[in-house]
Amino acid sequence: MTGRVPIIFDEKLYNVEAIQKAAYRSLNVFTVDITITDGKINCLLQPNIGVSDTGFAHSIEEFRKDVLDQHLRIKLKAETEPTRNLILGIAFSNTGLQGGE
């Protein structure tokens, strides 16, 4: 498997930020070149020097899982942000830390 491995994600289904985060987490095993063409996020993975074929193959599987995980984390964060802000607002309004009194 030595060499570059292309992986393609649909831009409608995956967030580029999620792919970047997953790529960053994998830097110890491979590098990722990311480009976007015609609604497709193209990732070209290249193993680092000294990484075995087996290690590289395993890391590719983990990268795919991590992309989904990061994408869902970003989506969940966006969906729950109003509720989190409301809870934080209520919590801080009861501390007496605001200077209005």
PDB file of N, CA and C in Angstrom:
ATOM      1  N   MET A   1       0.827  -1.205   0.000  1.00  0.00           N
ATOM      2  CA  MET A   1       0.000   0.000   0.000  1.00  0.00           C
ATOM      3  C   MET A   1       0.860   1.254   0.000  1.00  0.00           C
ATOM      4  N   THR A   2       2.144   1.107   0.096  1.00  0.00           N
ATOM      5  CA  THR A   2       3.019   2.260   0.170  1.00  0.00           C
ATOM      6  C   THR A   2       2.707   3.237  -0.955  1.00  0.00           C
ATOM      7  N   GLY A   3       2.571   4.481  -0.597  1.00  0.00           N
ATOM      8  CA  GLY A   3       2.245   5.511  -1.575  1.00  0.00           C
ATOM      9  C   GLY A   3       1.069   6.332  -1.095  1.00  0.00           C
ATOM     10  N   ARG A   4       0.561   7.127  -1.988  1.00  0.00           N
ATOM     11  CA  ARG A   4      -0.539   8.023  -1.654  1.00  0.00           C
ATOM     12  C   ARG A   4      -1.881   7.328  -1.818  1.00  0.00           C
ATOM     13  N   VAL A   5      -2.808   7.667  -0.913  1.00  0.00           N
ATOM     14  CA  VAL A   5      -4.146   7.084  -0.957  1.00  0.00           C
ATOM     15  C   VAL A   5      -5.165   8.221  -1.006  1.00  0.00           C
ATOM     16  N   PRO A   6      -5.986   8.258  -2.065  1.00  0.00           N
ATOM     17  CA  PRO A   6      -7.018   9.300  -2.139  1.00  0.00           C
ATOM     18  C   PRO A   6      -8.290   8.872  -1.400  1.00  0.00           C
ATOM     19  N   ILE A   7      -8.890   9.816  -0.711  1.00  0.00           N
ATOM     20  CA  ILE A   7     -10.189   9.607  -0.069  1.00  0.00           C
ATOM     21  C   ILE A   7     -11.036  10.823  -0.431  1.00  0.00           C
ATOM     22  N   ILE A   8     -12.271  10.578  -0.823  1.00  0.00           N
ATOM     23  CA  ILE A   8     -13.149  11.660  -1.261  1.00  0.00           C
ATOM     24  C   ILE A   8     -14.383  11.712  -0.364  1.00  0.00           C
ATOM     25  N   PHE A   9     -14.718  12.923   0.099  1.00  0.00           N
ATOM     26  CA  PHE A   9     -15.907  13.159   0.908  1.00  0.00           C
ATOM     27  C   PHE A   9     -16.810  14.134   0.162  1.00  0.00           C
ATOM     28  N   ASP A  10     -18.101  13.933   0.276  1.00  0.00           N
ATOM     29  CA  ASP A  10     -19.074  14.832  -0.340  1.00  0.00           C
ATOM     30  C   ASP A  10     -19.219  16.069   0.546  1.00  0.00           C
ATOM     31  N   GLU A  11     -19.067  17.233  -0.041  1.00  0.00           N
ATOM     32  CA  GLU A  11     -19.134  18.491   0.710  1.00  0.00           C
ATOM     33  C   GLU A  11     -20.526  18.724   1.306  1.00  0.00           C
ATOM     34  N   LYS A  12     -21.549  18.093   0.752  1.00  0.00           N
ATOM     35  CA  LYS A  12     -22.903  18.226   1.293  1.00  0.00           C
ATOM     36  C   LYS A  12     -23.078  17.412   2.574  1.00  0.00           C
ATOM     37  N   LEU A  13     -22.247  16.399   2.746  1.00  0.00           N
ATOM     38  CA  LEU A  13     -22.382  15.502   3.887  1.00  0.00           C
ATOM     39  C   LEU A  13     -21.368  15.745   4.993  1.00  0.00           C
ATOM     40  N   TYR A  14     -20.214  16.301   4.638  1.00  0.00           N
ATOM     41  CA  TYR A  14     -19.141  16.472   5.611  1.00  0.00           C
ATOM     42  C   TYR A  14     -18.661  17.914   5.655  1.00  0.00           C
ATOM     43  N   ASN A  15     -18.235  18.312   6.815  1.00  0.00           N
ATOM     44  CA  ASN A  15     -17.729  19.647   7.067  1.00  0.00           C
ATOM     45  C   ASN A  15     -16.209  19.646   6.863  1.00  0.00           C
ATOM     46  N   VAL A  16     -15.696  20.623   6.133  1.00  0.00           N
ATOM     47  CA  VAL A  16     -14.251  20.704   5.883  1.00  0.00           C
ATOM     48  C   VAL A  16     -13.485  20.832   7.201  1.00  0.00           C
ATOM     49  N   GLU A  17     -14.040  21.573   8.134  1.00  0.00           N
ATOM     50  CA  GLU A  17     -13.382  21.734   9.431  1.00  0.00           C
ATOM     51  C   GLU A  17     -13.208  20.379  10.126  1.00  0.00           C
ATOM     52  N   ALA A  18     -14.197  19.520  10.005  1.00  0.00           N
ATOM     53  CA  ALA A  18     -14.108  18.188  10.608  1.00  0.00           C
ATOM     54  C   ALA A  18     -12.966  17.390   9.991  1.00  0.00           C
ATOM     55  N   ILE A  19     -12.820  17.494   8.680  1.00  0.00           N
ATOM     56  CA  ILE A  19     -11.743  16.782   7.990  1.00  0.00           C
ATOM     57  C   ILE A  19     -10.391  17.338   8.400  1.00  0.00           C
ATOM     58  N   GLN A  20     -10.298  18.644   8.546  1.00  0.00           N
ATOM     59  CA  GLN A  20      -9.045  19.258   8.982  1.00  0.00           C
ATOM     60  C   GLN A  20      -8.681  18.812  10.391  1.00  0.00           C
ATOM     61  N   LYS A  21      -9.668  18.753  11.277  1.00  0.00           N
ATOM     62  CA  LYS A  21      -9.400  18.309  12.646  1.00  0.00           C
ATOM     63  C   LYS A  21      -8.938  16.854  12.670  1.00  0.00           C
ATOM     64  N   ALA A  22      -9.607  16.013  11.901  1.00  0.00           N
ATOM     65  CA  ALA A  22      -9.214  14.602  11.839  1.00  0.00           C
ATOM     66  C   ALA A  22      -7.814  14.462  11.241  1.00  0.00           C
ATOM     67  N   ALA A  23      -7.516  15.271  10.228  1.00  0.00           N
ATOM     68  CA  ALA A  23      -6.185  15.233   9.613  1.00  0.00           C
ATOM     69  C   ALA A  23      -5.120  15.651  10.623  1.00  0.00           C
ATOM     70  N   TYR A  24      -5.411  16.664  11.396  1.00  0.00           N
ATOM     71  CA  TYR A  24      -4.456  17.129  12.409  1.00  0.00           C
ATOM     72  C   TYR A  24      -4.162  16.028  13.428  1.00  0.00           C
ATOM     73  N   ARG A  25      -5.201  15.306  13.821  1.00  0.00           N
ATOM     74  CA  ARG A  25      -5.025  14.229  14.803  1.00  0.00           C
ATOM     75  C   ARG A  25      -4.202  13.072  14.247  1.00  0.00           C
ATOM     76  N   SER A  26      -4.089  12.977  12.929  1.00  0.00           N
ATOM     77  CA  SER A  26      -3.373  11.871  12.289  1.00  0.00           C
ATOM     78  C   SER A  26      -1.975  12.234  11.825  1.00  0.00           C
ATOM     79  N   LEU A  27      -1.521  13.439  12.137  1.00  0.00           N
ATOM     80  CA  LEU A  27      -0.226  13.911  11.629  1.00  0.00           C
ATOM     81  C   LEU A  27       0.955  13.034  12.025  1.00  0.00           C
ATOM     82  N   ASN A  28       0.827  12.278  13.092  1.00  0.00           N
ATOM     83  CA  ASN A  28       1.949  11.430  13.500  1.00  0.00           C
ATOM     84  C   ASN A  28       2.126  10.212  12.586  1.00  0.00           C
ATOM     85  N   VAL A  29       1.093   9.907  11.763  1.00  0.00           N
ATOM     86  CA  VAL A  29       1.157   8.736  10.882  1.00  0.00           C
ATOM     87  C   VAL A  29       1.210   9.134   9.408  1.00  0.00           C
ATOM     88  N   PHE A  30       0.441  10.151   9.023  1.00  0.00           N
ATOM     89  CA  PHE A  30       0.426  10.568   7.624  1.00  0.00           C
ATOM     90  C   PHE A  30       0.093  12.045   7.487  1.00  0.00           C
ATOM     91  N   THR A  31       0.384  12.583   6.315  1.00  0.00           N
ATOM     92  CA  THR A  31       0.007  13.950   5.991  1.00  0.00           C
ATOM     93  C   THR A  31      -1.186  13.902   5.040  1.00  0.00           C
ATOM     94  N   VAL A  32      -1.962  14.965   5.038  1.00  0.00           N
ATOM     95  CA  VAL A  32      -3.158  15.018   4.203  1.00  0.00           C
ATOM     96  C   VAL A  32      -3.156  16.316   3.410  1.00  0.00           C
ATOM     97  N   ASP A  33      -3.261  16.192   2.096  1.00  0.00           N
ATOM     98  CA  ASP A  33      -3.477  17.346   1.231  1.00  0.00           C
ATOM     99  C   ASP A  33      -4.970  17.407   0.957  1.00  0.00           C
ATOM    100  N   ILE A  34      -5.588  18.551   1.268  1.00  0.00           N
ATOM    101  CA  ILE A  34      -7.036  18.694   1.113  1.00  0.00           C
ATOM    102  C   ILE A  34      -7.327  19.730   0.040  1.00  0.00           C
ATOM    103  N   THR A  35      -8.169  19.343  -0.927  1.00  0.00           N
ATOM    104  CA  THR A  35      -8.642  20.262  -1.955  1.00  0.00           C
ATOM    105  C   THR A  35     -10.142  20.051  -2.131  1.00  0.00           C
ATOM    106  N   ILE A  36     -10.802  21.073  -2.655  1.00  0.00           N
ATOM    107  CA  ILE A  36     -12.234  20.967  -2.919  1.00  0.00           C
ATOM    108  C   ILE A  36     -12.465  21.223  -4.398  1.00  0.00           C
ATOM    109  N   THR A  37     -13.147  20.274  -5.038  1.00  0.00           N
ATOM    110  CA  THR A  37     -13.440  20.373  -6.461  1.00  0.00           C
ATOM    111  C   THR A  37     -14.849  19.870  -6.719  1.00  0.00           C
ATOM    112  N   ASP A  38     -15.672  20.687  -7.333  1.00  0.00           N
ATOM    113  CA  ASP A  38     -17.028  20.274  -7.729  1.00  0.00           C
ATOM    114  C   ASP A  38     -17.817  19.640  -6.593  1.00  0.00           C
ATOM    115  N   GLY A  39     -17.769  20.252  -5.412  1.00  0.00           N
ATOM    116  CA  GLY A  39     -18.539  19.739  -4.286  1.00  0.00           C
ATOM    117  C   GLY A  39     -17.958  18.520  -3.612  1.00  0.00           C
ATOM    118  N   LYS A  40     -16.756  18.155  -3.984  1.00  0.00           N
ATOM    119  CA  LYS A  40     -16.092  16.998  -3.376  1.00  0.00           C
ATOM    120  C   LYS A  40     -14.863  17.481  -2.603  1.00  0.00           C
ATOM    121  N   ILE A  41     -14.696  16.956  -1.418  1.00  0.00           N
ATOM    122  CA  ILE A  41     -13.514  17.258  -0.620  1.00  0.00           C
ATOM    123  C   ILE A  41     -12.535  16.113  -0.854  1.00  0.00           C
ATOM    124  N   ASN A  42     -11.467  16.428  -1.539  1.00  0.00           N
ATOM    125  CA  ASN A  42     -10.471  15.427  -1.916  1.00  0.00           C
ATOM    126  C   ASN A  42      -9.333  15.438  -0.905  1.00  0.00           C
ATOM    127  N   CYS A  43      -9.062  14.292  -0.340  1.00  0.00           N
ATOM    128  CA  CYS A  43      -7.965  14.136   0.613  1.00  0.00           C
ATOM    129  C   CYS A  43      -6.962  13.162   0.019  1.00  0.00           C
ATOM    130  N   LEU A  44      -5.724  13.580  -0.022  1.00  0.00           N
ATOM    131  CA  LEU A  44      -4.662  12.706  -0.498  1.00  0.00           C
ATOM    132  C   LEU A  44      -3.750  12.416   0.686  1.00  0.00           C
ATOM    133  N   LEU A  45      -3.795  11.179   1.159  1.00  0.00           N
ATOM    134  CA  LEU A  45      -3.037  10.773   2.336  1.00  0.00           C
ATOM    135  C   LEU A  45      -1.715  10.166   1.922  1.00  0.00           C
ATOM    136  N   GLN A  46      -0.660  10.619   2.584  1.00  0.00           N
ATOM    137  CA  GLN A  46       0.675  10.081   2.313  1.00  0.00           C
ATOM    138  C   GLN A  46       1.320   9.697   3.636  1.00  0.00           C
ATOM    139  N   PRO A  47       1.778   8.453   3.738  1.00  0.00           N
ATOM    140  CA  PRO A  47       2.360   8.008   5.011  1.00  0.00           C
ATOM    141  C   PRO A  47       3.664   8.745   5.327  1.00  0.00           C
ATOM    142  N   ASN A  48       3.884   8.942   6.601  1.00  0.00           N
ATOM    143  CA  ASN A  48       5.152   9.523   7.037  1.00  0.00           C
ATOM    144  C   ASN A  48       6.263   8.490   6.881  1.00  0.00           C
ATOM    145  N   ILE A  49       7.480   8.948   6.819  1.00  0.00           N
ATOM    146  CA  ILE A  49       8.631   8.053   6.714  1.00  0.00           C
ATOM    147  C   ILE A  49       8.660   7.132   7.928  1.00  0.00           C
ATOM    148  N   GLY A  50       8.851   5.853   7.671  1.00  0.00           N
ATOM    149  CA  GLY A  50       8.959   4.870   8.745  1.00  0.00           C
ATOM    150  C   GLY A  50       7.649   4.223   9.153  1.00  0.00           C
ATOM    151  N   VAL A  51       6.529   4.656   8.564  1.00  0.00           N
ATOM    152  CA  VAL A  51       5.234   4.054   8.900  1.00  0.00           C
ATOM    153  C   VAL A  51       5.031   2.814   8.032  1.00  0.00           C
ATOM    154  N   SER A  52       4.688   1.697   8.671  1.00  0.00           N
ATOM    155  CA  SER A  52       4.486   0.444   7.935  1.00  0.00           C
ATOM    156  C   SER A  52       3.178   0.494   7.145  1.00  0.00           C
ATOM    157  N   ASP A  53       3.074  -0.392   6.165  1.00  0.00           N
ATOM    158  CA  ASP A  53       1.847  -0.480   5.378  1.00  0.00           C
ATOM    159  C   ASP A  53       0.656  -0.818   6.270  1.00  0.00           C
ATOM    160  N   THR A  54       0.860  -1.723   7.214  1.00  0.00           N
ATOM    161  CA  THR A  54      -0.214  -2.117   8.122  1.00  0.00           C
ATOM    162  C   THR A  54      -0.633  -0.943   9.007  1.00  0.00           C
ATOM    163  N   GLY A  55       0.342  -0.219   9.525  1.00  0.00           N
ATOM    164  CA  GLY A  55       0.049   0.954  10.352  1.00  0.00           C
ATOM    165  C   GLY A  55      -0.673   2.038   9.568  1.00  0.00           C
ATOM    166  N   PHE A  56      -0.257   2.219   8.333  1.00  0.00           N
ATOM    167  CA  PHE A  56      -0.888   3.212   7.469  1.00  0.00           C
ATOM    168  C   PHE A  56      -2.333   2.815   7.166  1.00  0.00           C
ATOM    169  N   ALA A  57      -2.556   1.541   6.825  1.00  0.00           N
ATOM    170  CA  ALA A  57      -3.911   1.058   6.522  1.00  0.00           C
ATOM    171  C   ALA A  57      -4.826   1.219   7.738  1.00  0.00           C
ATOM    172  N   HIS A  58      -4.317   0.887   8.917  1.00  0.00           N
ATOM    173  CA  HIS A  58      -5.098   1.040  10.144  1.00  0.00           C
ATOM    174  C   HIS A  58      -5.429   2.513  10.383  1.00  0.00           C
ATOM    175  N   SER A  59      -4.470   3.381  10.158  1.00  0.00           N
ATOM    176  CA  SER A  59      -4.673   4.815  10.380  1.00  0.00           C
ATOM    177  C   SER A  59      -5.676   5.408   9.400  1.00  0.00           C
ATOM    178  N   ILE A  60      -5.732   4.875   8.193  1.00  0.00           N
ATOM    179  CA  ILE A  60      -6.729   5.339   7.219  1.00  0.00           C
ATOM    180  C   ILE A  60      -8.135   5.021   7.731  1.00  0.00           C
ATOM    181  N   GLU A  61      -8.323   3.815   8.256  1.00  0.00           N
ATOM    182  CA  GLU A  61      -9.618   3.446   8.837  1.00  0.00           C
ATOM    183  C   GLU A  61      -9.979   4.371   9.993  1.00  0.00           C
ATOM    184  N   GLU A  62      -9.005   4.634  10.855  1.00  0.00           N
ATOM    185  CA  GLU A  62      -9.238   5.520  11.997  1.00  0.00           C
ATOM    186  C   GLU A  62      -9.538   6.949  11.535  1.00  0.00           C
ATOM    187  N   PHE A  63      -8.886   7.390  10.481  1.00  0.00           N
ATOM    188  CA  PHE A  63      -9.130   8.726   9.921  1.00  0.00           C
ATOM    189  C   PHE A  63     -10.581   8.848   9.464  1.00  0.00           C
ATOM    190  N   ARG A  64     -11.070   7.861   8.758  1.00  0.00           N
ATOM    191  CA  ARG A  64     -12.467   7.882   8.286  1.00  0.00           C
ATOM    192  C   ARG A  64     -13.434   7.974   9.472  1.00  0.00           C
ATOM    193  N   LYS A  65     -13.177   7.205  10.510  1.00  0.00           N
ATOM    194  CA  LYS A  65     -14.022   7.239  11.706  1.00  0.00           C
ATOM    195  C   LYS A  65     -13.934   8.602  12.391  1.00  0.00           C
ATOM    196  N   ASP A  66     -12.718   9.137  12.459  1.00  0.00           N
ATOM    197  CA  ASP A  66     -12.502  10.410  13.130  1.00  0.00           C
ATOM    198  C   ASP A  66     -13.176  11.554  12.375  1.00  0.00           C
ATOM    199  N   VAL A  67     -13.193  11.497  11.044  1.00  0.00           N
ATOM    200  CA  VAL A  67     -13.874  12.530  10.255  1.00  0.00           C
ATOM    201  C   VAL A  67     -15.352  12.558  10.638  1.00  0.00           C
ATOM    202  N   LEU A  68     -15.987  11.396  10.693  1.00  0.00           N
ATOM    203  CA  LEU A  68     -17.392  11.331  11.075  1.00  0.00           C
ATOM    204  C   LEU A  68     -17.585  11.840  12.499  1.00  0.00           C
ATOM    205  N   ASP A  69     -16.729  11.415  13.411  1.00  0.00           N
ATOM    206  CA  ASP A  69     -16.817  11.851  14.800  1.00  0.00           C
ATOM    207  C   ASP A  69     -16.700  13.370  14.907  1.00  0.00           C
ATOM    208  N   GLN A  70     -15.706  13.948  14.251  1.00  0.00           N
ATOM    209  CA  GLN A  70     -15.505  15.398  14.307  1.00  0.00           C
ATOM    210  C   GLN A  70     -16.678  16.143  13.674  1.00  0.00           C
ATOM    211  N   HIS A  71     -17.195  15.611  12.563  1.00  0.00           N
ATOM    212  CA  HIS A  71     -18.335  16.245  11.896  1.00  0.00           C
ATOM    213  C   HIS A  71     -19.555  16.274  12.824  1.00  0.00           C
ATOM    214  N   LEU A  72     -19.819  15.151  13.486  1.00  0.00           N
ATOM    215  CA  LEU A  72     -20.965  15.094  14.388  1.00  0.00           C
ATOM    216  C   LEU A  72     -20.764  15.981  15.611  1.00  0.00           C
ATOM    217  N   ARG A  73     -19.541  16.103  16.092  1.00  0.00           N
ATOM    218  CA  ARG A  73     -19.264  17.004  17.212  1.00  0.00           C
ATOM    219  C   ARG A  73     -19.557  18.458  16.835  1.00  0.00           C
ATOM    220  N   ILE A  74     -19.131  18.855  15.642  1.00  0.00           N
ATOM    221  CA  ILE A  74     -19.368  20.220  15.171  1.00  0.00           C
ATOM    222  C   ILE A  74     -20.865  20.468  15.008  1.00  0.00           C
ATOM    223  N   LYS A  75     -21.557  19.501  14.445  1.00  0.00           N
ATOM    224  CA  LYS A  75     -23.004  19.618  14.239  1.00  0.00           C
ATOM    225  C   LYS A  75     -23.741  19.699  15.576  1.00  0.00           C
ATOM    226  N   LEU A  76     -23.379  18.843  16.516  1.00  0.00           N
ATOM    227  CA  LEU A  76     -24.002  18.844  17.834  1.00  0.00           C
ATOM    228  C   LEU A  76     -23.740  20.158  18.566  1.00  0.00           C
ATOM    229  N   LYS A  77     -22.532  20.666  18.453  1.00  0.00           N
ATOM    230  CA  LYS A  77     -22.189  21.933  19.093  1.00  0.00           C
ATOM    231  C   LYS A  77     -23.067  23.059  18.552  1.00  0.00           C
ATOM    232  N   ALA A  78     -23.249  23.098  17.246  1.00  0.00           N
ATOM    233  CA  ALA A  78     -24.075  24.141  16.629  1.00  0.00           C
ATOM    234  C   ALA A  78     -25.537  24.012  17.053  1.00  0.00           C
ATOM    235  N   GLU A  79     -26.027  22.783  17.123  1.00  0.00           N
ATOM    236  CA  GLU A  79     -27.426  22.553  17.475  1.00  0.00           C
ATOM    237  C   GLU A  79     -27.722  22.867  18.938  1.00  0.00           C
ATOM    238  N   THR A  80     -26.743  22.699  19.808  1.00  0.00           N
ATOM    239  CA  THR A  80     -26.979  22.908  21.243  1.00  0.00           C
ATOM    240  C   THR A  80     -26.486  24.260  21.746  1.00  0.00           C
ATOM    241  N   GLU A  81     -25.892  25.050  20.872  1.00  0.00           N
ATOM    242  CA  GLU A  81     -25.330  26.340  21.306  1.00  0.00           C
ATOM    243  C   GLU A  81     -26.359  27.263  21.965  1.00  0.00           C
ATOM    244  N   PRO A  82     -27.558  27.441  21.411  1.00  0.00           N
ATOM    245  CA  PRO A  82     -28.521  28.323  22.081  1.00  0.00           C
ATOM    246  C   PRO A  82     -28.860  27.864  23.498  1.00  0.00           C
ATOM    247  N   THR A  83     -29.013  26.568  23.686  1.00  0.00           N
ATOM    248  CA  THR A  83     -29.334  26.040  25.013  1.00  0.00           C
ATOM    249  C   THR A  83     -28.164  26.239  25.968  1.00  0.00           C
ATOM    250  N   ARG A  84     -26.944  25.965  25.490  1.00  0.00           N
ATOM    251  CA  ARG A  84     -25.753  26.163  26.338  1.00  0.00           C
ATOM    252  C   ARG A  84     -25.631  27.624  26.750  1.00  0.00           C
ATOM    253  N   ASN A  85     -25.853  28.541  25.805  1.00  0.00           N
ATOM    254  CA  ASN A  85     -25.750  29.972  26.120  1.00  0.00           C
ATOM    255  C   ASN A  85     -26.813  30.390  27.132  1.00  0.00           C
ATOM    256  N   LEU A  86     -28.007  29.848  27.008  1.00  0.00           N
ATOM    257  CA  LEU A  86     -29.070  30.152  27.964  1.00  0.00           C
ATOM    258  C   LEU A  86     -28.690  29.667  29.357  1.00  0.00           C
ATOM    259  N   ILE A  87     -28.202  28.442  29.454  1.00  0.00           N
ATOM    260  CA  ILE A  87     -27.803  27.880  30.748  1.00  0.00           C
ATOM    261  C   ILE A  87     -26.671  28.699  31.361  1.00  0.00           C
ATOM    262  N   LEU A  88     -25.669  29.047  30.548  1.00  0.00           N
ATOM    263  CA  LEU A  88     -24.561  29.859  31.061  1.00  0.00           C
ATOM    264  C   LEU A  88     -25.044  31.242  31.494  1.00  0.00           C
ATOM    265  N   GLY A  89     -25.951  31.819  30.720  1.00  0.00           N
ATOM    266  CA  GLY A  89     -26.492  33.131  31.084  1.00  0.00           C
ATOM    267  C   GLY A  89     -27.206  33.102  32.418  1.00  0.00           C
ATOM    268  N   ILE A  90     -28.010  32.073  32.638  1.00  0.00           N
ATOM    269  CA  ILE A  90     -28.722  31.931  33.909  1.00  0.00           C
ATOM    270  C   ILE A  90     -27.738  31.692  35.045  1.00  0.00           C
ATOM    271  N   ALA A  91     -26.762  30.826  34.806  1.00  0.00           N
ATOM    272  CA  ALA A  91     -25.773  30.521  35.846  1.00  0.00           C
ATOM    273  C   ALA A  91     -24.999  31.756  36.268  1.00  0.00           C
ATOM    274  N   PHE A  92     -24.564  32.561  35.300  1.00  0.00           N
ATOM    275  CA  PHE A  92     -23.777  33.746  35.636  1.00  0.00           C
ATOM    276  C   PHE A  92     -24.648  34.875  36.178  1.00  0.00           C
ATOM    277  N   SER A  93     -25.912  34.889  35.853  1.00  0.00           N
ATOM    278  CA  SER A  93     -26.778  35.947  36.383  1.00  0.00           C
ATOM    279  C   SER A  93     -27.042  35.744  37.872  1.00  0.00           C
ATOM    280  N   ASN A  94     -26.872  34.544  38.354  1.00  0.00           N
ATOM    281  CA  ASN A  94     -27.115  34.239  39.770  1.00  0.00           C
ATOM    282  C   ASN A  94     -25.853  34.305  40.632  1.00  0.00           C
ATOM    283  N   THR A  95     -24.728  34.684  40.079  1.00  0.00           N
ATOM    284  CA  THR A  95     -23.481  34.685  40.852  1.00  0.00           C
ATOM    285  C   THR A  95     -23.196  36.009  41.548  1.00  0.00           C
ATOM    286  N   GLY A  96     -23.855  37.058  41.102  1.00  0.00           N
ATOM    287  CA  GLY A  96     -23.559  38.373  41.655  1.00  0.00           C
ATOM    288  C   GLY A  96     -22.289  38.975  41.080  1.00  0.00           C
ATOM    289  N   LEU A  97     -21.759  38.382  40.014  1.00  0.00           N
ATOM    290  CA  LEU A  97     -20.535  38.888  39.400  1.00  0.00           C
ATOM    291  C   LEU A  97     -20.774  40.056  38.468  1.00  0.00           C
ATOM    292  N   GLN A  98     -22.017  40.271  38.083  1.00  0.00           N
ATOM    293  CA  GLN A  98     -22.313  41.390  37.194  1.00  0.00           C
ATOM    294  C   GLN A  98     -22.327  42.671  38.007  1.00  0.00           C
ATOM    295  N   GLY A  99     -21.840  43.740  37.405  1.00  0.00           N
ATOM    296  CA  GLY A  99     -21.667  45.006  38.143  1.00  0.00           C
ATOM    297  C   GLY A  99     -22.881  45.881  38.185  1.00  0.00           C
ATOM    298  N   GLY A 100     -24.073  45.404  37.877  1.00  0.00           N
ATOM    299  CA  GLY A 100     -25.267  46.251  37.832  1.00  0.00           C
ATOM    300  C   GLY A 100     -25.891  46.534  39.166  1.00  0.00           C
ATOM    301  N   GLU A 101     -25.433  45.941  40.242  1.00  0.00           N
ATOM    302  CA  GLU A 101     -26.099  46.125  41.537  1.00  0.00           C
ATOM    303  C   GLU A 101     -25.234  46.789  42.535  1.00  0.00           C
TER     304      GLU A 101
END
